[in-house]
Amino acid sequence: MIDKELLDILACPSCKGDVELKDEKIVCLKCGKKYPIKDGIPIMLIDEAE
């Protein structure tokens, strides 16, 4: 599980939009990209986004 404080400081690397946790992925509220979480670590790389 990702800490709420960490989610508050994370931003989408593509569009700099706010993100939220949804279905075990970090989802950008602005552009909709979904970033995976592997072993409890968010992988915030544009190339890894869905």
N, C-alpha and C. Protein backbone atom coordinates (compact mmCIF):
# COMPACT_ATOMS: atom_id res chain seq x y z
N MET A 1 0.84 -1.19 0.00
CA MET A 1 0.00 0.00 0.00
C MET A 1 0.88 1.25 0.00
N ILE A 2 0.47 2.24 -0.76
CA ILE A 2 1.23 3.49 -0.87
C ILE A 2 0.75 4.47 0.21
N ASP A 3 1.68 5.11 0.86
CA ASP A 3 1.39 6.07 1.91
C ASP A 3 0.69 7.31 1.34
N LYS A 4 -0.32 7.81 2.03
CA LYS A 4 -1.08 8.97 1.58
C LYS A 4 -0.17 10.19 1.39
N GLU A 5 0.79 10.37 2.29
CA GLU A 5 1.71 11.51 2.17
C GLU A 5 2.55 11.42 0.90
N LEU A 6 2.94 10.20 0.52
CA LEU A 6 3.68 10.02 -0.73
C LEU A 6 2.80 10.37 -1.93
N LEU A 7 1.56 9.90 -1.92
CA LEU A 7 0.64 10.22 -3.02
C LEU A 7 0.45 11.72 -3.16
N ASP A 8 0.42 12.44 -2.05
CA ASP A 8 0.21 13.88 -2.08
C ASP A 8 1.35 14.63 -2.78
N ILE A 9 2.57 14.08 -2.74
CA ILE A 9 3.69 14.78 -3.36
C ILE A 9 4.02 14.27 -4.77
N LEU A 10 3.46 13.12 -5.15
CA LEU A 10 3.71 12.58 -6.49
C LEU A 10 2.92 13.36 -7.53
N ALA A 11 3.50 13.46 -8.72
CA ALA A 11 2.82 14.08 -9.86
C ALA A 11 3.15 13.25 -11.09
N CYS A 12 2.27 13.27 -12.05
CA CYS A 12 2.49 12.55 -13.30
C CYS A 12 3.73 13.12 -14.00
N PRO A 13 4.69 12.28 -14.36
CA PRO A 13 5.88 12.79 -15.05
C PRO A 13 5.60 13.27 -16.47
N SER A 14 4.49 12.86 -17.03
CA SER A 14 4.15 13.24 -18.40
C SER A 14 3.51 14.64 -18.46
N CYS A 15 2.46 14.85 -17.65
CA CYS A 15 1.73 16.12 -17.75
C CYS A 15 1.76 16.94 -16.45
N LYS A 16 2.40 16.41 -15.42
CA LYS A 16 2.52 17.07 -14.10
C LYS A 16 1.20 17.16 -13.35
N GLY A 17 0.20 16.35 -13.76
CA GLY A 17 -1.10 16.35 -13.10
C GLY A 17 -1.07 15.59 -11.78
N ASP A 18 -2.10 15.81 -10.97
CA ASP A 18 -2.25 15.09 -9.70
C ASP A 18 -2.55 13.62 -9.97
N VAL A 19 -2.17 12.76 -9.03
CA VAL A 19 -2.38 11.32 -9.18
C VAL A 19 -3.15 10.77 -7.99
N GLU A 20 -3.77 9.60 -8.20
CA GLU A 20 -4.47 8.90 -7.12
C GLU A 20 -4.19 7.41 -7.26
N LEU A 21 -4.42 6.68 -6.18
CA LEU A 21 -4.26 5.24 -6.19
C LEU A 21 -5.58 4.60 -6.61
N LYS A 22 -5.53 3.74 -7.63
CA LYS A 22 -6.74 3.09 -8.11
C LYS A 22 -6.37 1.73 -8.67
N ASP A 23 -6.99 0.68 -8.17
CA ASP A 23 -6.75 -0.69 -8.65
C ASP A 23 -5.26 -1.05 -8.66
N GLU A 24 -4.57 -0.72 -7.54
CA GLU A 24 -3.15 -1.05 -7.38
C GLU A 24 -2.26 -0.40 -8.43
N LYS A 25 -2.68 0.74 -8.96
CA LYS A 25 -1.88 1.52 -9.90
C LYS A 25 -1.98 2.99 -9.49
N ILE A 26 -0.98 3.76 -9.88
CA ILE A 26 -1.02 5.21 -9.70
C ILE A 26 -1.62 5.78 -10.98
N VAL A 27 -2.75 6.47 -10.87
CA VAL A 27 -3.48 6.96 -12.04
C VAL A 27 -3.47 8.49 -12.05
N CYS A 28 -3.09 9.06 -13.19
CA CYS A 28 -3.10 10.52 -13.34
C CYS A 28 -4.53 11.00 -13.56
N LEU A 29 -4.93 12.00 -12.81
CA LEU A 29 -6.28 12.55 -12.94
C LEU A 29 -6.42 13.46 -14.15
N LYS A 30 -5.29 13.92 -14.70
CA LYS A 30 -5.32 14.85 -15.83
C LYS A 30 -5.27 14.12 -17.17
N CYS A 31 -4.24 13.27 -17.37
CA CYS A 31 -4.08 12.63 -18.69
C CYS A 31 -4.53 11.16 -18.70
N GLY A 32 -4.73 10.58 -17.50
CA GLY A 32 -5.24 9.21 -17.43
C GLY A 32 -4.19 8.11 -17.51
N LYS A 33 -2.90 8.48 -17.60
CA LYS A 33 -1.87 7.44 -17.63
C LYS A 33 -1.88 6.66 -16.32
N LYS A 34 -1.58 5.36 -16.41
CA LYS A 34 -1.56 4.49 -15.24
C LYS A 34 -0.15 3.95 -15.06
N TYR A 35 0.39 4.17 -13.86
CA TYR A 35 1.75 3.74 -13.55
C TYR A 35 1.70 2.55 -12.59
N PRO A 36 2.49 1.51 -12.85
CA PRO A 36 2.44 0.31 -12.01
C PRO A 36 3.13 0.52 -10.66
N ILE A 37 2.77 -0.33 -9.71
CA ILE A 37 3.43 -0.38 -8.42
C ILE A 37 4.05 -1.77 -8.31
N LYS A 38 5.38 -1.82 -8.16
CA LYS A 38 6.09 -3.10 -8.06
C LYS A 38 6.77 -3.20 -6.71
N ASP A 39 6.44 -4.23 -5.95
CA ASP A 39 7.00 -4.44 -4.61
C ASP A 39 6.82 -3.22 -3.72
N GLY A 40 5.66 -2.56 -3.83
CA GLY A 40 5.35 -1.41 -3.00
C GLY A 40 5.97 -0.10 -3.46
N ILE A 41 6.64 -0.12 -4.62
CA ILE A 41 7.31 1.08 -5.12
C ILE A 41 6.63 1.55 -6.41
N PRO A 42 6.13 2.79 -6.43
CA PRO A 42 5.52 3.29 -7.66
C PRO A 42 6.59 3.50 -8.74
N ILE A 43 6.32 2.97 -9.93
CA ILE A 43 7.24 3.11 -11.06
C ILE A 43 6.73 4.26 -11.93
N MET A 44 7.22 5.46 -11.62
CA MET A 44 6.72 6.67 -12.27
C MET A 44 7.57 7.04 -13.48
N LEU A 45 7.64 6.10 -14.43
CA LEU A 45 8.37 6.32 -15.67
C LEU A 45 7.38 6.34 -16.83
N ILE A 46 7.50 7.32 -17.70
CA ILE A 46 6.56 7.46 -18.82
C ILE A 46 6.54 6.20 -19.67
N ASP A 47 7.71 5.59 -19.87
CA ASP A 47 7.80 4.38 -20.68
C ASP A 47 7.08 3.18 -20.05
N GLU A 48 6.84 3.21 -18.74
CA GLU A 48 6.17 2.12 -18.04
C GLU A 48 4.66 2.33 -17.94
N ALA A 49 4.18 3.50 -18.33
CA ALA A 49 2.76 3.84 -18.19
C ALA A 49 1.88 3.08 -19.18
N GLU A 50 0.66 2.88 -18.77
CA GLU A 50 -0.34 2.26 -19.65
C GLU A 50 -1.21 3.34 -20.26
